[in-house]
Amino acid sequence: MNPKKPLAPAHLRTLAALLLAASASLGAAAQQIAAPTGAPVVARLGELTVRQDEVEKLLQALPDAERAAVKDNRASVEGWLRQRLLGEALLKEARDKGFTDKPEVKARIDAAVRELTARIVTTGYLESVSQVPAGYPSEAELSAAYEQGKAGFNLPATYRVAQIFLATPDTATAAVAKVREEAQKLAREARGGGDFAALARAKSQDRSSAERGGEVGNLPLARMLPEVRDAIGKLKTGQVGDPVQSAAGFHVVKLLDSQPARTATLEEMRPQLQAALRQQRQQQLIQAHLTQLAPATQLSIDAAALDAALRKTN
């Protein structure tokens, strides 16, 4: 665990939403706040608790990548647990003092409950009446969609590249010149028959790629540093280029392989096409159901009454 590593805002928002949802369900009745006998308690504030199984459920509800990020930020999780308990304490105090019995507060609670209930019920019901058959789309429908959109399924040329990176933390001319000289020496050694992968492992200061013999992946030019693109575009497979300077340092690059631009195959597009066609079909089913539920011939709006209501709100 690394408590100093900041949690990405998206992960924080997701965890916050889950914690708030759990707080709402657990806070429905003040007498339900105590943990059941024998349940391991993760956090406590007086009689208020958060159990281990609650935390596990919150984490399991997150996507895999976000769950990993949350688990790697213990301090942030502990901070949210403290906020959770503080929220429960505030809710209990408000109830104990009769704040929730005030007519205006009750009215707001009732309105919120009605709105949330309507949203959950209608959304869930629409999903239930718009279930897309498991076999949709068929192979013929998938092929037709692929052919229809084929012109837009272009994949750019890709380049499998390895690099030796030398940083220039000091911008002084002499310091930069020294790093440039070292980069040129490594480039000459690699061109002269030296083992590029071994040189990268020993000399490259980009440790993530150095561990892979300098390999940075199979990338289109658009995903490379602007300074590196021209150099890569001029290399033939197996060639090592002259050192290229970026804002961070010098890059000695080697082109390991390349693939020309091409059209993605049906198999490559299959997951995206299936998802898009199923989503499109579900929207069609939803629209058909709503049209049947509220035919245009039966739905009317009284323009005069609407105008009167609008005038009264001025």
Protein backbone atom coordinates (compact mmCIF):
# COMPACT_ATOMS: atom_id res chain seq x y z
CA MET A 1 0.00 0.00 0.00
CA ASN A 2 1.14 3.52 -0.73
CA PRO A 3 -0.76 6.00 1.48
CA LYS A 4 0.88 9.00 -0.17
CA LYS A 5 -0.27 8.14 -3.67
CA PRO A 6 -3.19 10.43 -4.59
CA LEU A 7 -6.43 8.79 -5.65
CA ALA A 8 -7.71 9.87 -9.07
CA PRO A 9 -10.80 12.13 -8.87
CA ALA A 10 -12.93 9.62 -10.81
CA HIS A 11 -12.10 6.90 -8.29
CA LEU A 12 -12.90 9.24 -5.41
CA ARG A 13 -16.24 10.18 -6.93
CA THR A 14 -17.15 6.54 -7.48
CA LEU A 15 -16.20 5.54 -3.96
CA ALA A 16 -17.99 8.57 -2.55
CA ALA A 17 -21.19 7.67 -4.37
CA LEU A 18 -21.05 4.12 -3.06
CA LEU A 19 -20.37 5.26 0.48
CA LEU A 20 -23.23 7.76 0.33
CA ALA A 21 -25.56 5.08 -1.04
CA ALA A 22 -24.58 2.74 1.74
CA SER A 23 -25.02 5.51 4.30
CA ALA A 24 -28.51 6.21 3.02
CA SER A 25 -29.56 2.57 3.25
CA LEU A 26 -28.01 2.03 6.67
CA GLY A 27 -29.34 5.31 8.01
CA ALA A 28 -32.95 4.54 7.13
CA ALA A 29 -33.65 3.81 10.76
CA ALA A 30 -31.56 5.07 13.68
CA GLN A 31 -31.90 1.78 15.54
CA GLN A 32 -30.14 -0.09 12.71
CA ILE A 33 -26.78 1.63 13.11
CA ALA A 34 -25.22 -0.86 15.53
CA ALA A 35 -23.21 -3.70 13.99
CA PRO A 36 -24.62 -7.23 14.39
CA THR A 37 -22.96 -9.37 17.02
CA GLY A 38 -19.78 -11.01 15.72
CA ALA A 39 -19.46 -8.80 12.63
CA PRO A 40 -15.89 -7.43 12.34
CA VAL A 41 -15.91 -3.66 12.69
CA VAL A 42 -13.62 -1.65 10.40
CA ALA A 43 -14.42 1.85 11.71
CA ARG A 44 -16.26 3.13 14.77
CA LEU A 45 -17.53 6.45 16.10
CA GLY A 46 -19.23 5.81 19.45
CA GLU A 47 -22.11 3.43 18.71
CA LEU A 48 -21.87 4.03 14.96
CA THR A 49 -19.90 1.44 13.00
CA VAL A 50 -18.90 0.36 9.52
CA ARG A 51 -18.50 -3.40 9.20
CA GLN A 52 -15.93 -5.33 7.20
CA ASP A 53 -18.57 -6.91 4.98
CA GLU A 54 -19.89 -3.44 4.06
CA VAL A 55 -16.44 -2.32 2.91
CA GLU A 56 -16.04 -5.55 0.92
CA LYS A 57 -19.37 -4.97 -0.83
CA LEU A 58 -18.40 -1.38 -1.66
CA LEU A 59 -15.11 -2.52 -3.18
CA GLN A 60 -16.73 -5.38 -5.13
CA ALA A 61 -19.16 -2.91 -6.70
CA LEU A 62 -16.27 -1.00 -8.30
CA PRO A 63 -14.83 -1.83 -11.74
CA ASP A 64 -11.58 -3.83 -11.52
CA ALA A 65 -9.27 -0.92 -12.37
CA GLU A 66 -10.95 1.46 -9.92
CA ARG A 67 -11.00 -1.21 -7.19
CA ALA A 68 -7.24 -1.67 -7.58
CA ALA A 69 -6.67 2.08 -7.40
CA VAL A 70 -8.86 2.42 -4.30
CA LYS A 71 -7.13 -0.48 -2.53
CA ASP A 72 -3.77 1.16 -3.25
CA ASN A 73 -4.86 4.36 -1.48
CA ARG A 74 -5.51 3.36 2.09
CA ALA A 75 -5.39 6.93 3.40
CA SER A 76 -8.12 8.01 1.00
CA VAL A 77 -10.33 5.05 1.92
CA GLU A 78 -9.86 5.82 5.61
CA GLY A 79 -10.80 9.43 4.92
CA TRP A 80 -14.05 8.34 3.28
CA LEU A 81 -14.80 6.02 6.19
CA ARG A 82 -14.40 8.96 8.56
CA GLN A 83 -16.77 11.01 6.40
CA ARG A 84 -19.23 8.13 6.38
CA LEU A 85 -19.28 7.93 10.17
CA LEU A 86 -19.49 11.71 10.47
CA GLY A 87 -22.46 11.73 8.12
CA GLU A 88 -24.19 9.01 10.18
CA ALA A 89 -23.50 10.96 13.38
CA LEU A 90 -24.96 14.13 11.88
CA LEU A 91 -28.02 12.24 10.66
CA LYS A 92 -28.59 10.68 14.08
CA GLU A 93 -28.25 14.05 15.83
CA ALA A 94 -30.77 15.63 13.44
CA ARG A 95 -33.26 12.83 14.10
CA ASP A 96 -32.74 12.89 17.85
CA LYS A 97 -33.46 16.64 17.90
CA GLY A 98 -36.61 16.23 15.83
CA PHE A 99 -35.30 18.08 12.80
CA THR A 100 -36.67 15.42 10.43
CA ASP A 101 -40.16 15.91 11.93
CA LYS A 102 -40.43 19.50 10.70
CA PRO A 103 -43.15 19.79 8.00
CA GLU A 104 -40.86 21.50 5.49
CA VAL A 105 -38.14 18.86 5.97
CA LYS A 106 -40.68 16.03 5.69
CA ALA A 107 -42.02 17.55 2.48
CA ARG A 108 -38.54 17.68 0.95
CA ILE A 109 -37.82 14.09 2.04
CA ASP A 110 -41.11 12.84 0.62
CA ALA A 111 -40.50 14.65 -2.69
CA ALA A 112 -36.98 13.20 -2.92
CA VAL A 113 -38.23 9.70 -2.12
CA ARG A 114 -40.96 9.96 -4.75
CA GLU A 115 -38.49 11.21 -7.37
CA LEU A 116 -35.91 8.54 -6.57
CA THR A 117 -38.54 5.79 -6.45
CA ALA A 118 -39.97 6.87 -9.79
CA ARG A 119 -36.52 6.96 -11.34
CA ILE A 120 -35.54 3.51 -10.05
CA VAL A 121 -38.86 1.90 -10.95
CA THR A 122 -39.19 3.42 -14.42
CA THR A 123 -35.56 2.76 -15.33
CA GLY A 124 -35.71 -0.82 -14.08
CA TYR A 125 -39.08 -1.44 -15.73
CA LEU A 126 -37.93 -0.06 -19.08
CA GLU A 127 -34.89 -2.33 -18.93
CA SER A 128 -37.14 -5.30 -18.23
CA VAL A 129 -39.44 -4.62 -21.21
CA SER A 130 -36.59 -3.87 -23.60
CA GLN A 131 -34.46 -6.97 -23.16
CA VAL A 132 -32.47 -7.66 -26.32
CA PRO A 133 -32.49 -11.36 -27.32
CA ALA A 134 -29.27 -13.19 -26.45
CA GLY A 135 -28.66 -14.12 -30.09
CA TYR A 136 -28.82 -10.54 -31.35
CA PRO A 137 -27.18 -9.47 -33.56
CA SER A 138 -27.01 -12.46 -35.87
CA GLU A 139 -23.90 -13.13 -37.91
CA ALA A 140 -25.65 -11.74 -40.99
CA GLU A 141 -26.65 -8.53 -39.15
CA LEU A 142 -23.12 -8.16 -37.81
CA SER A 143 -21.60 -8.61 -41.27
CA ALA A 144 -24.04 -6.10 -42.76
CA ALA A 145 -23.16 -3.51 -40.11
CA TYR A 146 -19.46 -4.12 -40.70
CA GLU A 147 -19.79 -3.62 -44.45
CA GLN A 148 -21.89 -0.49 -43.95
CA GLY A 149 -19.32 1.14 -41.67
CA LYS A 150 -16.19 -0.43 -43.15
CA ALA A 151 -14.93 2.82 -44.63
CA GLY A 152 -14.63 4.25 -41.15
CA PHE A 153 -12.84 1.30 -39.55
CA ASN A 154 -9.35 2.50 -40.49
CA LEU A 155 -6.39 1.59 -38.33
CA PRO A 156 -3.27 3.81 -38.63
CA ALA A 157 0.19 2.49 -39.33
CA THR A 158 1.85 1.20 -36.16
CA TYR A 159 5.48 1.03 -35.15
CA ARG A 160 7.02 -1.37 -32.66
CA VAL A 161 9.72 0.75 -31.05
CA ALA A 162 12.42 0.37 -28.43
CA GLN A 163 14.31 3.23 -26.84
CA ILE A 164 17.19 4.15 -24.59
CA PHE A 165 16.20 7.27 -22.67
CA LEU A 166 18.63 9.61 -20.95
CA ALA A 167 17.11 12.41 -18.87
CA THR A 168 18.37 16.01 -18.82
CA PRO A 169 17.34 17.26 -15.37
CA ASP A 170 19.70 20.24 -15.70
CA THR A 171 18.96 22.64 -18.57
CA ALA A 172 22.43 24.19 -18.47
CA THR A 173 24.14 24.01 -21.87
CA ALA A 174 27.11 22.03 -20.57
CA ALA A 175 24.91 19.47 -18.83
CA VAL A 176 22.73 18.98 -21.92
CA ALA A 177 25.81 18.58 -24.11
CA LYS A 178 27.16 15.89 -21.79
CA VAL A 179 23.92 13.90 -21.97
CA ARG A 180 23.81 14.35 -25.77
CA GLU A 181 27.34 13.00 -26.06
CA GLU A 182 26.41 9.94 -23.98
CA ALA A 183 23.31 9.36 -26.14
CA GLN A 184 25.38 9.58 -29.33
CA LYS A 185 27.87 7.10 -27.90
CA LEU A 186 25.08 4.61 -27.14
CA ALA A 187 23.60 5.08 -30.62
CA ARG A 188 26.99 4.34 -32.23
CA GLU A 189 27.46 1.28 -30.03
CA ALA A 190 23.99 -0.04 -30.93
CA ARG A 191 24.60 0.52 -34.65
CA GLY A 192 27.98 -1.18 -34.43
CA GLY A 193 26.46 -4.48 -33.46
CA GLY A 194 25.79 -3.88 -29.80
CA ASP A 195 22.82 -5.57 -28.13
CA PHE A 196 20.21 -2.77 -28.03
CA ALA A 197 18.06 -4.59 -25.47
CA ALA A 198 21.03 -5.11 -23.16
CA LEU A 199 22.09 -1.47 -23.54
CA ALA A 200 18.56 -0.32 -22.72
CA ARG A 201 18.39 -2.49 -19.61
CA ALA A 202 21.75 -1.15 -18.43
CA LYS A 203 21.58 2.51 -19.47
CA SER A 204 18.00 3.66 -20.09
CA GLN A 205 16.53 5.86 -17.38
CA ASP A 206 12.95 4.97 -18.32
CA ARG A 207 12.82 1.97 -16.04
CA SER A 208 9.42 0.68 -17.20
CA SER A 209 10.66 0.19 -20.78
CA ALA A 210 14.23 -0.63 -19.76
CA GLU A 211 12.99 -3.78 -18.03
CA ARG A 212 11.58 -4.89 -21.40
CA GLY A 213 14.80 -4.25 -23.27
CA GLY A 214 13.68 -0.74 -24.16
CA GLU A 215 10.40 -1.76 -25.80
CA VAL A 216 7.69 0.89 -25.48
CA GLY A 217 5.01 -0.97 -27.45
CA ASN A 218 3.36 -1.04 -30.84
CA LEU A 219 2.11 2.51 -31.37
CA PRO A 220 0.78 4.80 -34.09
CA LEU A 221 2.78 7.97 -34.66
CA ALA A 222 0.03 10.06 -33.05
CA ARG A 223 0.75 8.44 -29.67
CA MET A 224 4.47 9.21 -29.78
CA LEU A 225 6.28 12.36 -28.74
CA PRO A 226 6.26 14.89 -31.60
CA GLU A 227 10.06 15.00 -31.51
CA VAL A 228 10.27 11.23 -32.00
CA ARG A 229 7.71 10.88 -34.80
CA ASP A 230 9.91 12.17 -37.63
CA ALA A 231 12.83 10.00 -36.57
CA ILE A 232 10.67 6.85 -36.44
CA GLY A 233 9.06 7.58 -39.79
CA LYS A 234 12.49 7.66 -41.49
CA LEU A 235 13.81 4.38 -40.03
CA LYS A 236 13.71 0.96 -41.63
CA THR A 237 13.04 -2.15 -39.58
CA GLY A 238 16.07 -2.94 -37.41
CA GLN A 239 17.65 0.50 -37.74
CA VAL A 240 18.76 2.70 -34.83
CA GLY A 241 18.24 6.43 -35.25
CA ASP A 242 20.29 9.43 -34.14
CA PRO A 243 19.50 10.67 -30.62
CA VAL A 244 16.36 12.81 -30.53
CA GLN A 245 15.97 15.53 -27.91
CA SER A 246 12.65 16.13 -26.16
CA ALA A 247 11.81 18.40 -23.24
CA ALA A 248 12.66 15.57 -20.82
CA GLY A 249 15.88 14.28 -22.35
CA PHE A 250 17.38 12.30 -25.23
CA HIS A 251 15.84 9.26 -26.92
CA VAL A 252 17.86 6.71 -28.86
CA VAL A 253 15.19 4.78 -30.77
CA LYS A 254 15.20 1.53 -32.69
CA LEU A 255 12.44 0.42 -35.07
CA LEU A 256 11.76 -3.24 -34.33
CA ASP A 257 8.82 -3.71 -36.69
CA SER A 258 6.01 -1.81 -38.41
CA GLN A 259 2.56 -2.46 -39.82
CA PRO A 260 1.02 -0.33 -42.58
CA ALA A 261 -2.31 1.42 -42.20
CA ARG A 262 -5.21 -0.93 -42.85
CA THR A 263 -8.90 -1.54 -42.36
CA ALA A 264 -9.85 -3.36 -39.16
CA THR A 265 -11.21 -6.84 -39.76
CA LEU A 266 -14.69 -7.98 -38.78
CA GLU A 267 -13.21 -10.01 -35.92
CA GLU A 268 -11.40 -6.96 -34.59
CA MET A 269 -14.56 -4.88 -34.78
CA ARG A 270 -16.88 -7.63 -33.50
CA PRO A 271 -17.00 -6.58 -29.79
CA GLN A 272 -17.67 -2.90 -30.59
CA LEU A 273 -20.22 -3.71 -33.29
CA GLN A 274 -22.07 -6.19 -31.09
CA ALA A 275 -22.26 -3.69 -28.23
CA ALA A 276 -23.38 -0.84 -30.52
CA LEU A 277 -26.04 -2.93 -32.28
CA ARG A 278 -27.41 -4.28 -29.01
CA GLN A 279 -27.57 -0.78 -27.53
CA GLN A 280 -29.26 0.51 -30.67
CA ARG A 281 -31.76 -2.34 -30.58
CA GLN A 282 -32.56 -1.71 -26.93
CA GLN A 283 -33.23 1.97 -27.67
CA GLN A 284 -35.56 0.92 -30.48
CA LEU A 285 -37.44 -1.41 -28.12
CA ILE A 286 -37.72 1.32 -25.50
CA GLN A 287 -39.01 3.83 -28.05
CA ALA A 288 -41.52 1.30 -29.40
CA HIS A 289 -42.82 0.59 -25.90
CA LEU A 290 -43.16 4.29 -25.06
CA THR A 291 -44.97 4.94 -28.32
CA GLN A 292 -47.39 2.11 -27.56
CA LEU A 293 -47.87 3.37 -24.01
CA ALA A 294 -48.56 6.96 -25.05
CA PRO A 295 -49.87 7.09 -28.66
CA ALA A 296 -49.66 10.54 -30.24
CA THR A 297 -53.42 10.46 -30.83
CA GLN A 298 -54.09 10.17 -27.09
CA LEU A 299 -51.56 12.68 -25.79
CA SER A 300 -52.56 16.35 -25.86
CA ILE A 301 -51.34 19.61 -24.35
CA ASP A 302 -53.71 22.46 -23.50
CA ALA A 303 -51.81 25.46 -24.88
CA ALA A 304 -54.00 28.01 -23.07
CA ALA A 305 -53.57 26.34 -19.70
CA LEU A 306 -49.83 26.01 -20.27
CA ASP A 307 -49.58 29.71 -21.21
CA ALA A 308 -51.47 30.65 -18.06
CA ALA A 309 -49.11 28.60 -15.91
CA LEU A 310 -46.08 30.19 -17.55
CA ARG A 311 -47.46 33.71 -17.03
CA LYS A 312 -48.05 33.07 -13.33
CA THR A 313 -44.41 32.16 -12.80
CA ASN A 314 -43.12 35.56 -14.06
